[in-house]
Amino acid sequence: AEMIHLMDGDGLFLFSSRNQEANRILKQLQNSPLWKQLKVVQQNRAYIVDHSTWRSRNILAANRVIDDLF
């Protein structure tokens, strides 16, 4: 059974590598009926963030993550 309701939260951050394959997968996910059931999606609180920035461990990346949050 799907447990999509366990994914609901105050915000949802999706890591993207911003390449064609990632974009295709993201579009497929966004068109999924399960995706559309998430309250966080319905309330427009799902965000696509840059994978390399959010996974980096330096002060510049930390500042970009903070920028993304605001």
Protein backbone atom coordinates (compact mmCIF):
# COMPACT_ATOMS: atom_id res chain seq x y z
CA ALA A 1 0.00 0.00 0.00
CA GLU A 2 1.13 3.53 -0.72
CA MET A 3 2.14 5.53 2.33
CA ILE A 4 2.21 8.91 0.61
CA HIS A 5 0.45 10.55 3.56
CA LEU A 6 3.62 10.03 5.61
CA MET A 7 5.49 12.38 3.25
CA ASP A 8 3.26 15.36 4.01
CA GLY A 9 4.96 18.10 5.99
CA ASP A 10 5.26 21.85 6.27
CA GLY A 11 7.58 22.00 3.28
CA LEU A 12 9.00 19.64 0.70
CA PHE A 13 12.41 20.15 -0.88
CA LEU A 14 13.26 18.20 -4.02
CA PHE A 15 16.89 17.90 -5.02
CA SER A 16 17.50 18.39 -8.72
CA SER A 17 20.71 18.10 -10.69
CA ARG A 18 19.11 20.26 -13.38
CA ASN A 19 19.79 17.95 -16.28
CA GLN A 20 17.37 16.51 -18.82
CA GLU A 21 16.95 13.20 -17.00
CA ALA A 22 16.21 14.95 -13.69
CA ASN A 23 13.71 17.25 -15.42
CA ARG A 24 11.96 14.27 -17.02
CA ILE A 25 11.68 12.46 -13.70
CA LEU A 26 10.43 15.61 -11.97
CA LYS A 27 7.71 16.12 -14.60
CA GLN A 28 6.69 12.48 -14.25
CA LEU A 29 6.48 12.88 -10.47
CA GLN A 30 4.47 16.10 -10.73
CA ASN A 31 1.95 14.42 -13.03
CA SER A 32 1.46 11.51 -10.61
CA PRO A 33 -1.92 11.30 -8.86
CA LEU A 34 -0.05 10.55 -5.61
CA TRP A 35 1.95 13.77 -5.89
CA LYS A 36 -1.22 15.81 -6.29
CA GLN A 37 -2.65 14.31 -3.08
CA LEU A 38 0.07 15.81 -0.89
CA LYS A 39 -1.19 18.78 1.13
CA VAL A 40 2.24 20.38 0.91
CA VAL A 41 1.93 20.31 -2.90
CA GLN A 42 -1.65 21.59 -2.85
CA GLN A 43 -0.50 24.50 -0.67
CA ASN A 44 2.38 25.33 -3.06
CA ARG A 45 5.08 24.56 -0.51
CA ALA A 46 7.10 22.10 -2.60
CA TYR A 47 10.39 23.55 -3.80
CA ILE A 48 13.03 22.40 -6.26
CA VAL A 49 16.53 23.10 -5.00
CA ASP A 50 19.94 22.57 -6.55
CA HIS A 51 21.42 19.27 -5.42
CA SER A 52 25.05 20.38 -5.59
CA THR A 53 24.40 23.52 -3.52
CA TRP A 54 22.42 21.80 -0.79
CA ARG A 55 24.95 18.97 -0.48
CA SER A 56 28.03 21.21 -0.39
CA ARG A 57 29.81 21.92 2.85
CA ASN A 58 31.14 25.42 2.63
CA ILE A 59 30.04 28.90 3.65
CA LEU A 60 29.01 29.92 0.12
CA ALA A 61 26.71 26.93 -0.22
CA ALA A 62 25.29 27.55 3.26
CA ASN A 63 24.44 31.12 2.24
CA ARG A 64 22.74 29.88 -0.94
CA VAL A 65 20.66 27.40 1.07
CA ILE A 66 19.55 30.23 3.35
CA ASP A 67 18.68 32.29 0.27
CA ASP A 68 16.61 29.38 -1.05
CA LEU A 69 14.74 29.14 2.23
CA PHE A 70 13.68 32.77 1.98
